[in-house]
C-alpha atoms as a PDB file:
ATOM      1  CA  MET A   1       8.868 -21.552  -4.122  1.00  0.00           C
ATOM      2  CA  LEU A   2       7.666 -18.512  -2.205  1.00  0.00           C
ATOM      3  CA  ALA A   3       5.995 -15.795  -4.296  1.00  0.00           C
ATOM      4  CA  MET A   4       3.683 -12.825  -3.951  1.00  0.00           C
ATOM      5  CA  GLN A   5       0.027 -13.706  -4.547  1.00  0.00           C
ATOM      6  CA  TYR A   6      -1.901 -10.540  -3.796  1.00  0.00           C
ATOM      7  CA  GLN A   7      -1.119  -6.909  -3.100  1.00  0.00           C
ATOM      8  CA  GLU A   8      -3.245  -4.033  -1.846  1.00  0.00           C
ATOM      9  CA  ILE A   9      -2.487  -0.424  -1.025  1.00  0.00           C
ATOM     10  CA  GLU A  10      -4.275   1.120   1.948  1.00  0.00           C
ATOM     11  CA  ILE A  11      -4.249   4.915   1.889  1.00  0.00           C
ATOM     12  CA  SER A  12      -5.413   7.159   4.699  1.00  0.00           C
ATOM     13  CA  THR A  13      -4.800  10.799   5.493  1.00  0.00           C
ATOM     14  CA  TYR A  14      -1.064  11.453   5.034  1.00  0.00           C
ATOM     15  CA  GLU A  15       0.022   7.838   5.523  1.00  0.00           C
ATOM     16  CA  GLY A  16      -0.555   4.384   4.169  1.00  0.00           C
ATOM     17  CA  GLU A  17       0.603   0.817   3.896  1.00  0.00           C
ATOM     18  CA  ILE A  18       1.310  -1.595   1.097  1.00  0.00           C
ATOM     19  CA  ILE A  19       0.207  -5.060   2.177  1.00  0.00           C
ATOM     20  CA  SER A  20       1.365  -8.023   0.123  1.00  0.00           C
ATOM     21  CA  THR A  21       0.240 -11.599   0.727  1.00  0.00           C
ATOM     22  CA  LEU A  22       2.785 -14.322   0.027  1.00  0.00           C
ATOM     23  CA  SER A  23       1.959 -17.759  -1.334  1.00  0.00           C
ATOM     24  CA  ASP A  24       2.347 -19.312   2.132  1.00  0.00           C
ATOM     25  CA  GLY A  25      -0.240 -16.902   3.583  1.00  0.00           C
ATOM     26  CA  ARG A  26       2.156 -14.575   5.404  1.00  0.00           C
ATOM     27  CA  LYS A  27       1.761 -10.838   4.926  1.00  0.00           C
ATOM     28  CA  VAL A  28       4.397  -8.238   4.137  1.00  0.00           C
ATOM     29  CA  LYS A  29       3.845  -4.627   5.205  1.00  0.00           C
ATOM     30  CA  GLN A  30       5.555  -1.541   3.805  1.00  0.00           C
ATOM     31  CA  PRO A  31       4.601   1.783   5.397  1.00  0.00           C
ATOM     32  CA  PHE A  32       4.735   5.104   3.562  1.00  0.00           C
ATOM     33  CA  GLU A  33       3.829   8.712   4.227  1.00  0.00           C
ATOM     34  CA  TRP A  34       2.608  11.388   1.862  1.00  0.00           C
ATOM     35  CA  SER A  35       1.893  15.099   2.005  1.00  0.00           C
ATOM     36  CA  ILE A  36       1.113  18.071  -0.186  1.00  0.00           C
ATOM     37  CA  GLU A  37       3.973  20.572  -0.329  1.00  0.00           C
ATOM     38  CA  ASN A  38       3.581  23.709  -2.443  1.00  0.00           C
ATOM     39  CA  GLY A  39       0.663  22.102  -4.260  1.00  0.00           C
ATOM     40  CA  GLU A  40       2.664  18.991  -5.218  1.00  0.00           C
ATOM     41  CA  LEU A  41       2.415  15.450  -3.893  1.00  0.00           C
ATOM     42  CA  GLU A  42       5.425  14.393  -1.803  1.00  0.00           C
ATOM     43  CA  ILE A  43       5.899  10.710  -0.930  1.00  0.00           C
ATOM     44  CA  GLU A  44       8.223   9.261   1.699  1.00  0.00           C
ATOM     45  CA  TYR A  45       8.610   5.643   0.681  1.00  0.00           C
ATOM     46  CA  SER A  46      11.621   3.384   0.666  1.00  0.00           C
ATOM     47  CA  GLU A  47      11.943   0.857  -2.143  1.00  0.00           C
ATOM     48  CA  ASP A  48      14.352  -1.135   0.013  1.00  0.00           C
ATOM     49  CA  ILE A  49      13.869  -4.684   1.262  1.00  0.00           C
ATOM     50  CA  SER A  50      15.326  -3.758   4.666  1.00  0.00           C
ATOM     51  CA  ASP A  51      12.298  -1.519   5.348  1.00  0.00           C
ATOM     52  CA  MET A  52       9.800  -4.345   4.784  1.00  0.00           C
ATOM     53  CA  ASP A  53       8.389  -6.575   7.504  1.00  0.00           C
ATOM     54  CA  ILE A  54       7.073 -10.094   7.110  1.00  0.00           C
ATOM     55  CA  ILE A  55       4.535 -10.316   9.909  1.00  0.00           C
ATOM     56  CA  GLY A  56       5.443 -12.970  12.436  1.00  0.00           C
ATOM     57  CA  ILE A  57       9.143 -13.338  11.544  1.00  0.00           C
ATOM     58  CA  ASP A  58      11.729 -12.021  14.003  1.00  0.00           C
ATOM     59  CA  ARG A  59      14.800 -13.566  12.396  1.00  0.00           C
ATOM     60  CA  GLU A  60      16.922 -12.903   9.351  1.00  0.00           C
ATOM     61  CA  TYR A  61      15.165 -13.739   6.107  1.00  0.00           C
ATOM     62  CA  THR A  62      16.141 -16.716   3.979  1.00  0.00           C
ATOM     63  CA  ASP A  63      17.211 -16.252   0.353  1.00  0.00           C
ATOM     64  CA  GLU A  64      13.784 -17.459  -0.780  1.00  0.00           C
ATOM     65  CA  GLU A  65      12.064 -14.888   1.461  1.00  0.00           C
ATOM     66  CA  LEU A  66      14.354 -12.114   0.187  1.00  0.00           C
ATOM     67  CA  THR A  67      13.482 -13.028  -3.400  1.00  0.00           C
ATOM     68  CA  ALA A  68       9.769 -12.889  -2.535  1.00  0.00           C
ATOM     69  CA  LEU A  69      10.243  -9.528  -0.806  1.00  0.00           C
ATOM     70  CA  ASP A  70      11.909  -8.172  -3.922  1.00  0.00           C
ATOM     71  CA  THR A  71       8.748  -8.917  -5.926  1.00  0.00           C
ATOM     72  CA  CYS A  72       6.642  -7.033  -3.338  1.00  0.00           C
ATOM     73  CA  ILE A  73       8.327  -3.694  -4.003  1.00  0.00           C
ATOM     74  CA  VAL A  74       5.962  -1.165  -5.574  1.00  0.00           C
ATOM     75  CA  GLU A  75       7.459   1.481  -7.837  1.00  0.00           C
ATOM     76  CA  LYS A  76       7.112   5.006  -6.536  1.00  0.00           C
ATOM     77  CA  SER A  77       5.286   6.065  -9.714  1.00  0.00           C
ATOM     78  CA  GLU A  78       2.621   3.378  -9.162  1.00  0.00           C
ATOM     79  CA  LEU A  79       2.246   4.453  -5.544  1.00  0.00           C
ATOM     80  CA  GLU A  80       1.912   8.082  -6.647  1.00  0.00           C
ATOM     81  CA  TYR A  81      -0.831   7.097  -9.113  1.00  0.00           C
ATOM     82  CA  GLN A  82      -2.762   5.256  -6.379  1.00  0.00           C
ATOM     83  CA  ILE A  83      -2.493   8.194  -3.975  1.00  0.00           C
ATOM     84  CA  LEU A  84      -3.574  10.727  -6.620  1.00  0.00           C
ATOM     85  CA  ALA A  85      -6.667   8.603  -7.306  1.00  0.00           C
ATOM     86  CA  SER A  86      -7.616   8.309  -3.622  1.00  0.00           C
ATOM     87  CA  TYR A  87     -10.390  10.198  -1.871  1.00  0.00           C
ATOM     88  CA  ASP A  88      -8.020  11.178   0.964  1.00  0.00           C
ATOM     89  CA  TYR A  89      -5.700  12.944  -1.491  1.00  0.00           C
ATOM     90  CA  LYS A  90      -8.551  14.869  -3.084  1.00  0.00           C
ATOM     91  CA  GLU A  91      -9.771  15.940   0.341  1.00  0.00           C
ATOM     92  CA  ALA A  92      -6.258  16.987   1.423  1.00  0.00           C
ATOM     93  CA  LEU A  93      -5.761  18.943  -1.810  1.00  0.00           C
ATOM     94  CA  GLU A  94      -9.009  20.849  -1.229  1.00  0.00           C
ATOM     95  CA  GLU A  95      -7.864  21.636   2.305  1.00  0.00           C
ATOM     96  CA  TYR A  96      -4.488  22.798   0.977  1.00  0.00           C
ATOM     97  CA  LYS A  97      -6.123  25.076  -1.593  1.00  0.00           C
ATOM     98  CA  ALA A  98      -8.457  26.499   1.043  1.00  0.00           C
ATOM     99  CA  SER A  99      -5.507  27.162   3.343  1.00  0.00           C
ATOM    100  CA  ARG A 100      -3.930  29.301   0.622  1.00  0.00           C
ATOM    101  CA  ASN A 101      -6.965  31.627   0.817  1.00  0.00           C
ATOM    102  CA  LEU A 102      -6.698  32.659   4.464  1.00  0.00           C
ATOM    103  CA  TYR A 103     -10.066  34.394   4.533  1.00  0.00           C
ATOM    104  CA  SER A 104     -12.012  31.293   3.548  1.00  0.00           C
ATOM    105  CA  TYR A 105      -9.764  29.033   5.651  1.00  0.00           C
ATOM    106  CA  TYR A 106     -10.687  30.929   8.811  1.00  0.00           C
ATOM    107  CA  GLY A 107     -14.302  31.470   7.762  1.00  0.00           C
ATOM    108  CA  VAL A 108     -14.167  35.225   7.332  1.00  0.00           C
ATOM    109  CA  SER A 109     -14.151  37.705   4.473  1.00  0.00           C
ATOM    110  CA  PRO A 110     -12.171  40.922   3.904  1.00  0.00           C
ATOM    111  CA  ARG A 111     -15.292  42.913   4.856  1.00  0.00           C
ATOM    112  CA  ASP A 112     -15.067  41.535   8.398  1.00  0.00           C
ATOM    113  CA  PHE A 113     -11.920  43.611   8.941  1.00  0.00           C
ATOM    114  CA  PHE A 114     -13.262  46.995   7.859  1.00  0.00           C
ATOM    115  CA  GLN A 115     -15.668  49.141   9.842  1.00  0.00           C
ATOM    116  CA  ASN A 116     -18.625  50.765   8.144  1.00  0.00           C
ATOM    117  CA  LYS A 117     -18.630  54.509   8.730  1.00  0.00           C
END
């Protein structure tokens, strides 16, 4: 019987991949994207088997493979937790907060815009 053995989540700046290893050694990849909108984490991730790829298979999946793919699905809440704990998220959040303060974002201060008389 085919089953998931190992799963890891790779997170980089604004994108990532969930890589699951099946018991026969094949890997399943699920891409996702994330961003910070209005100070909140937004995740674009499909919890659908049709968006998953078993590397090296270019045919329709067997019932056994579909069952294994179903076990590879990561809940969005778990994915959100992993992203929130990542260094890339913390860095992006700092950049977002800095962008809200336009003076510091562009490396100036309000005094740079007023002339001394």
